[in-house]
């Protein structure tokens, strides 16, 4: 297992990849932290999990005031992401919204007897 933290200083105005699960790995998503360090309110903050044409909204169209944050922590649980899954983020309100993800990457090895 390899713990990994991904930091995006400023989410893009349209959905962009924040993290992609590497080939031959699985990732346990344990924390999502989104913070507004801009001087004004930022709207339409989104975080999604994507695979092929499927999209699941984790955080949808939230508005964050200056200095506000949202922390999604799993409290001992996790969301298991398979190889190729992507976490995307966006903020339509402009720059200044940061995102931190913490995942635990584990090898996905298939064995046969």
N, C-alpha and C. Protein backbone atom coordinates (compact mmCIF):
# COMPACT_ATOMS: atom_id res chain seq x y z
N UNK A 1 0.84 -1.17 0.00
CA UNK A 1 0.00 0.00 0.00
C UNK A 1 0.89 1.24 0.00
N UNK A 2 0.50 2.21 -0.80
CA UNK A 2 1.23 3.45 -0.88
C UNK A 2 0.25 4.60 -0.70
N UNK A 3 0.40 5.36 0.38
CA UNK A 3 -0.45 6.53 0.60
C UNK A 3 0.02 7.65 -0.33
N UNK A 4 -0.94 8.36 -0.89
CA UNK A 4 -0.61 9.42 -1.84
C UNK A 4 -1.58 10.57 -1.66
N UNK A 5 -1.05 11.78 -1.61
CA UNK A 5 -1.89 12.97 -1.54
C UNK A 5 -1.69 13.75 -2.82
N UNK A 6 -2.80 14.18 -3.43
CA UNK A 6 -2.77 14.95 -4.66
C UNK A 6 -3.30 16.34 -4.33
N UNK A 7 -2.55 17.37 -4.73
CA UNK A 7 -2.94 18.75 -4.46
C UNK A 7 -3.11 19.49 -5.78
N UNK A 8 -4.27 20.09 -5.97
CA UNK A 8 -4.53 20.93 -7.14
C UNK A 8 -4.75 22.34 -6.61
N UNK A 9 -3.86 23.25 -6.98
CA UNK A 9 -3.90 24.60 -6.43
C UNK A 9 -5.15 25.36 -6.84
N UNK A 10 -5.59 25.19 -8.06
CA UNK A 10 -6.76 25.93 -8.53
C UNK A 10 -7.54 25.06 -9.53
N UNK A 11 -8.77 24.72 -9.17
CA UNK A 11 -9.60 23.92 -10.06
C UNK A 11 -9.94 24.72 -11.32
N UNK A 12 -10.00 24.04 -12.44
CA UNK A 12 -10.32 24.67 -13.72
C UNK A 12 -11.81 25.01 -13.79
N UNK A 13 -12.15 25.87 -14.74
CA UNK A 13 -13.56 26.26 -14.90
C UNK A 13 -14.40 25.16 -15.54
N UNK A 14 -13.77 24.26 -16.29
CA UNK A 14 -14.49 23.11 -16.83
C UNK A 14 -13.86 21.85 -16.21
N UNK A 15 -14.61 20.74 -16.13
CA UNK A 15 -14.10 19.54 -15.46
C UNK A 15 -12.75 19.09 -16.02
N UNK A 16 -11.80 18.90 -15.10
CA UNK A 16 -10.45 18.46 -15.48
C UNK A 16 -10.02 17.35 -14.52
N UNK A 17 -9.16 16.45 -15.03
CA UNK A 17 -8.67 15.34 -14.21
C UNK A 17 -7.87 15.86 -13.03
N UNK A 18 -8.19 15.36 -11.85
CA UNK A 18 -7.43 15.64 -10.64
C UNK A 18 -6.57 14.43 -10.32
N UNK A 19 -7.12 13.23 -10.51
CA UNK A 19 -6.41 11.99 -10.20
C UNK A 19 -6.95 10.87 -11.06
N UNK A 20 -6.07 10.01 -11.55
CA UNK A 20 -6.45 8.82 -12.29
C UNK A 20 -5.79 7.61 -11.63
N UNK A 21 -6.56 6.56 -11.37
CA UNK A 21 -6.01 5.35 -10.76
C UNK A 21 -5.09 4.70 -11.79
N UNK A 22 -3.82 4.46 -11.41
CA UNK A 22 -2.87 3.85 -12.35
C UNK A 22 -3.26 2.43 -12.76
N UNK A 23 -2.71 1.99 -13.89
CA UNK A 23 -2.91 0.61 -14.35
C UNK A 23 -2.42 -0.36 -13.29
N UNK A 24 -3.09 -1.50 -13.19
CA UNK A 24 -2.74 -2.58 -12.26
C UNK A 24 -2.78 -2.15 -10.79
N UNK A 25 -3.59 -1.15 -10.50
CA UNK A 25 -3.72 -0.67 -9.13
C UNK A 25 -5.20 -0.49 -8.80
N UNK A 26 -5.48 -0.45 -7.53
CA UNK A 26 -6.76 0.02 -7.00
C UNK A 26 -6.41 1.13 -6.03
N UNK A 27 -7.33 2.06 -5.83
CA UNK A 27 -7.08 3.15 -4.90
C UNK A 27 -8.24 3.29 -3.93
N UNK A 28 -7.90 3.40 -2.65
CA UNK A 28 -8.89 3.67 -1.61
C UNK A 28 -8.94 5.17 -1.44
N UNK A 29 -10.07 5.77 -1.78
CA UNK A 29 -10.27 7.21 -1.59
C UNK A 29 -10.68 7.45 -0.15
N UNK A 30 -9.85 8.18 0.60
CA UNK A 30 -10.12 8.36 2.03
C UNK A 30 -10.40 9.80 2.42
N UNK A 31 -10.04 10.77 1.55
CA UNK A 31 -10.28 12.18 1.89
C UNK A 31 -10.40 13.03 0.65
N UNK A 32 -11.39 13.93 0.66
CA UNK A 32 -11.49 14.99 -0.33
C UNK A 32 -11.64 16.29 0.46
N UNK A 33 -10.78 17.26 0.19
CA UNK A 33 -10.81 18.55 0.88
C UNK A 33 -10.80 19.63 -0.18
N UNK A 34 -11.83 20.48 -0.20
CA UNK A 34 -11.94 21.56 -1.18
C UNK A 34 -12.01 22.87 -0.40
N UNK A 35 -11.18 23.84 -0.78
CA UNK A 35 -11.08 25.08 -0.02
C UNK A 35 -11.06 26.29 -0.95
N UNK A 36 -11.72 27.37 -0.53
CA UNK A 36 -11.73 28.62 -1.28
C UNK A 36 -10.81 29.62 -0.61
N UNK A 37 -9.68 29.90 -1.24
CA UNK A 37 -8.74 30.89 -0.70
C UNK A 37 -8.86 32.23 -1.42
N UNK A 38 -9.83 32.34 -2.33
CA UNK A 38 -10.04 33.58 -3.07
C UNK A 38 -10.72 34.61 -2.16
N UNK A 39 -10.72 35.82 -2.57
CA UNK A 39 -11.30 36.89 -1.77
C UNK A 39 -12.80 37.01 -1.89
N UNK A 40 -13.42 36.19 -2.72
CA UNK A 40 -14.87 36.27 -2.88
C UNK A 40 -15.46 34.87 -3.05
N UNK A 41 -16.78 34.80 -3.01
CA UNK A 41 -17.48 33.53 -3.14
C UNK A 41 -17.26 32.93 -4.52
N UNK A 42 -17.04 31.62 -4.55
CA UNK A 42 -16.90 30.88 -5.80
C UNK A 42 -18.05 29.88 -5.89
N UNK A 43 -18.68 29.83 -7.05
CA UNK A 43 -19.85 28.97 -7.23
C UNK A 43 -19.58 27.78 -8.11
N UNK A 44 -20.54 26.90 -8.12
CA UNK A 44 -20.52 25.71 -8.97
C UNK A 44 -19.25 24.87 -8.80
N UNK A 45 -18.90 24.58 -7.55
CA UNK A 45 -17.76 23.71 -7.27
C UNK A 45 -18.24 22.27 -7.39
N UNK A 46 -17.54 21.47 -8.20
CA UNK A 46 -17.94 20.10 -8.47
C UNK A 46 -16.75 19.15 -8.36
N UNK A 47 -17.02 17.95 -7.83
CA UNK A 47 -16.05 16.85 -7.83
C UNK A 47 -16.83 15.61 -8.24
N UNK A 48 -16.30 14.88 -9.25
CA UNK A 48 -16.98 13.68 -9.74
C UNK A 48 -15.99 12.53 -9.86
N UNK A 49 -16.54 11.31 -9.85
CA UNK A 49 -15.78 10.10 -10.15
C UNK A 49 -16.28 9.62 -11.51
N UNK A 50 -15.34 9.36 -12.43
CA UNK A 50 -15.69 9.01 -13.80
C UNK A 50 -15.01 7.73 -14.24
N UNK A 51 -15.77 6.93 -15.01
CA UNK A 51 -15.20 5.76 -15.67
C UNK A 51 -15.98 5.52 -16.95
N UNK A 52 -15.26 5.47 -18.06
CA UNK A 52 -15.89 5.39 -19.38
C UNK A 52 -16.91 6.52 -19.50
N UNK A 53 -18.16 6.21 -19.74
CA UNK A 53 -19.17 7.26 -19.90
C UNK A 53 -20.00 7.46 -18.63
N UNK A 54 -19.62 6.80 -17.53
CA UNK A 54 -20.36 6.91 -16.29
C UNK A 54 -19.74 7.98 -15.40
N UNK A 55 -20.59 8.82 -14.82
CA UNK A 55 -20.13 9.88 -13.93
C UNK A 55 -20.98 9.87 -12.67
N UNK A 56 -20.31 9.87 -11.52
CA UNK A 56 -20.99 9.93 -10.23
C UNK A 56 -20.58 11.23 -9.55
N UNK A 57 -21.56 12.02 -9.17
CA UNK A 57 -21.28 13.29 -8.51
C UNK A 57 -21.01 13.05 -7.03
N UNK A 58 -19.85 13.51 -6.57
CA UNK A 58 -19.48 13.42 -5.16
C UNK A 58 -19.80 14.74 -4.48
N UNK A 59 -19.54 15.83 -5.17
CA UNK A 59 -19.83 17.18 -4.68
C UNK A 59 -20.39 17.95 -5.86
N UNK A 60 -21.63 18.39 -5.76
CA UNK A 60 -22.28 18.99 -6.92
C UNK A 60 -22.76 20.41 -6.72
N UNK A 61 -22.27 21.30 -7.58
CA UNK A 61 -22.72 22.69 -7.66
C UNK A 61 -22.76 23.41 -6.31
N UNK A 62 -21.72 23.23 -5.52
CA UNK A 62 -21.64 23.89 -4.21
C UNK A 62 -21.05 25.29 -4.36
N UNK A 63 -21.45 26.17 -3.49
CA UNK A 63 -20.93 27.52 -3.44
C UNK A 63 -20.08 27.66 -2.18
N UNK A 64 -18.87 28.17 -2.33
CA UNK A 64 -17.96 28.34 -1.19
C UNK A 64 -17.63 29.81 -1.02
N UNK A 65 -17.92 30.35 0.17
CA UNK A 65 -17.53 31.71 0.49
C UNK A 65 -16.03 31.81 0.70
N UNK A 66 -15.52 33.02 0.74
CA UNK A 66 -14.09 33.23 0.96
C UNK A 66 -13.67 32.59 2.28
N UNK A 67 -12.66 31.72 2.24
CA UNK A 67 -12.16 31.05 3.43
C UNK A 67 -12.93 29.79 3.82
N UNK A 68 -14.02 29.48 3.13
CA UNK A 68 -14.80 28.28 3.43
C UNK A 68 -14.15 27.03 2.83
N UNK A 69 -14.50 25.88 3.40
CA UNK A 69 -14.00 24.61 2.89
C UNK A 69 -15.05 23.53 3.09
N UNK A 70 -14.89 22.45 2.34
CA UNK A 70 -15.70 21.25 2.49
C UNK A 70 -14.73 20.09 2.64
N UNK A 71 -14.94 19.28 3.67
CA UNK A 71 -14.09 18.12 3.92
C UNK A 71 -14.95 16.87 3.92
N UNK A 72 -14.66 15.97 3.00
CA UNK A 72 -15.34 14.69 2.92
C UNK A 72 -14.35 13.63 3.36
N UNK A 73 -14.49 13.19 4.60
CA UNK A 73 -13.56 12.21 5.15
C UNK A 73 -14.34 10.95 5.46
N UNK A 74 -13.73 9.82 5.23
CA UNK A 74 -14.44 8.55 5.28
C UNK A 74 -14.55 7.93 6.66
N UNK A 75 -13.90 8.49 7.68
CA UNK A 75 -13.99 8.00 9.06
C UNK A 75 -13.77 6.49 9.17
N UNK A 76 -12.67 6.02 8.63
CA UNK A 76 -12.34 4.60 8.71
C UNK A 76 -12.81 3.80 7.51
N UNK A 77 -13.75 4.31 6.76
CA UNK A 77 -14.20 3.65 5.54
C UNK A 77 -13.46 4.21 4.34
N UNK A 78 -13.85 3.80 3.17
CA UNK A 78 -13.22 4.31 1.96
C UNK A 78 -14.11 3.99 0.76
N UNK A 79 -13.80 4.62 -0.35
CA UNK A 79 -14.42 4.30 -1.63
C UNK A 79 -13.32 3.63 -2.45
N UNK A 80 -13.55 2.41 -2.92
CA UNK A 80 -12.55 1.68 -3.70
C UNK A 80 -12.71 2.05 -5.16
N UNK A 81 -11.63 2.55 -5.74
CA UNK A 81 -11.61 2.94 -7.15
C UNK A 81 -10.74 1.96 -7.92
N UNK A 82 -11.22 1.53 -9.06
CA UNK A 82 -10.50 0.57 -9.89
C UNK A 82 -9.59 1.29 -10.88
N UNK A 83 -8.67 0.55 -11.49
CA UNK A 83 -7.75 1.12 -12.48
C UNK A 83 -8.52 1.86 -13.56
N UNK A 84 -8.06 3.05 -13.89
CA UNK A 84 -8.69 3.84 -14.94
C UNK A 84 -9.75 4.81 -14.45
N UNK A 85 -10.25 4.63 -13.23
CA UNK A 85 -11.22 5.59 -12.70
C UNK A 85 -10.54 6.95 -12.57
N UNK A 86 -11.31 8.00 -12.83
CA UNK A 86 -10.79 9.36 -12.74
C UNK A 86 -11.61 10.17 -11.75
N UNK A 87 -10.93 11.01 -11.01
CA UNK A 87 -11.61 12.00 -10.18
C UNK A 87 -11.40 13.33 -10.88
N UNK A 88 -12.50 14.02 -11.16
CA UNK A 88 -12.43 15.30 -11.85
C UNK A 88 -12.98 16.40 -10.95
N UNK A 89 -12.49 17.60 -11.15
CA UNK A 89 -12.96 18.73 -10.38
C UNK A 89 -13.12 19.96 -11.25
N UNK A 90 -14.01 20.87 -10.83
CA UNK A 90 -14.18 22.12 -11.54
C UNK A 90 -14.77 23.17 -10.60
N UNK A 91 -14.58 24.43 -10.98
CA UNK A 91 -15.15 25.56 -10.26
C UNK A 91 -15.45 26.64 -11.28
N UNK A 92 -16.72 26.87 -11.54
CA UNK A 92 -17.12 27.84 -12.56
C UNK A 92 -16.90 29.27 -12.12
N UNK A 93 -16.69 29.48 -10.82
CA UNK A 93 -16.58 30.84 -10.30
C UNK A 93 -15.22 31.49 -10.43
N UNK A 94 -14.28 30.88 -11.11
CA UNK A 94 -12.96 31.47 -11.26
C UNK A 94 -11.91 30.75 -10.45
N UNK A 95 -10.71 31.33 -10.38
CA UNK A 95 -9.59 30.71 -9.69
C UNK A 95 -9.72 30.87 -8.17
N UNK A 96 -8.90 30.12 -7.46
CA UNK A 96 -8.85 30.27 -6.01
C UNK A 96 -9.42 29.12 -5.22
N UNK A 97 -10.02 28.12 -5.90
CA UNK A 97 -10.55 26.95 -5.19
C UNK A 97 -9.57 25.80 -5.37
N UNK A 98 -9.02 25.33 -4.24
CA UNK A 98 -8.04 24.25 -4.24
C UNK A 98 -8.69 22.93 -3.84
N UNK A 99 -8.05 21.84 -4.24
CA UNK A 99 -8.56 20.51 -3.91
C UNK A 99 -7.40 19.62 -3.47
N UNK A 100 -7.62 18.90 -2.38
CA UNK A 100 -6.65 17.92 -1.90
C UNK A 100 -7.36 16.57 -1.81
N UNK A 101 -6.76 15.55 -2.39
CA UNK A 101 -7.27 14.18 -2.31
C UNK A 101 -6.22 13.33 -1.62
N UNK A 102 -6.65 12.42 -0.78
CA UNK A 102 -5.74 11.42 -0.23
C UNK A 102 -6.27 10.05 -0.60
N UNK A 103 -5.40 9.26 -1.21
CA UNK A 103 -5.75 7.89 -1.62
C UNK A 103 -4.68 6.95 -1.11
N UNK A 104 -5.04 5.69 -0.98
CA UNK A 104 -4.09 4.63 -0.68
C UNK A 104 -4.08 3.69 -1.87
N UNK A 105 -2.98 3.67 -2.61
CA UNK A 105 -2.88 2.83 -3.79
C UNK A 105 -2.41 1.44 -3.39
N UNK A 106 -3.12 0.43 -3.88
CA UNK A 106 -2.76 -0.96 -3.59
C UNK A 106 -2.66 -1.73 -4.91
N UNK A 107 -1.65 -2.61 -5.05
CA UNK A 107 -1.52 -3.38 -6.29
C UNK A 107 -2.75 -4.29 -6.47
N UNK A 108 -3.16 -4.42 -7.71
CA UNK A 108 -4.26 -5.32 -8.05
C UNK A 108 -3.66 -6.47 -8.83
N UNK A 109 -3.39 -7.56 -8.13
CA UNK A 109 -2.75 -8.73 -8.73
C UNK A 109 -3.74 -9.87 -8.77
N UNK A 110 -3.92 -10.41 -9.93
CA UNK A 110 -4.81 -11.55 -10.10
C UNK A 110 -3.97 -12.82 -10.12
N UNK A 111 -4.32 -13.78 -9.30
CA UNK A 111 -3.60 -15.05 -9.31
C UNK A 111 -4.55 -16.18 -9.57
N UNK A 112 -4.04 -17.21 -10.20
CA UNK A 112 -4.85 -18.40 -10.46
C UNK A 112 -4.15 -19.61 -9.88
N UNK A 113 -4.93 -20.58 -9.48
CA UNK A 113 -4.35 -21.80 -8.91
C UNK A 113 -4.19 -22.86 -9.98
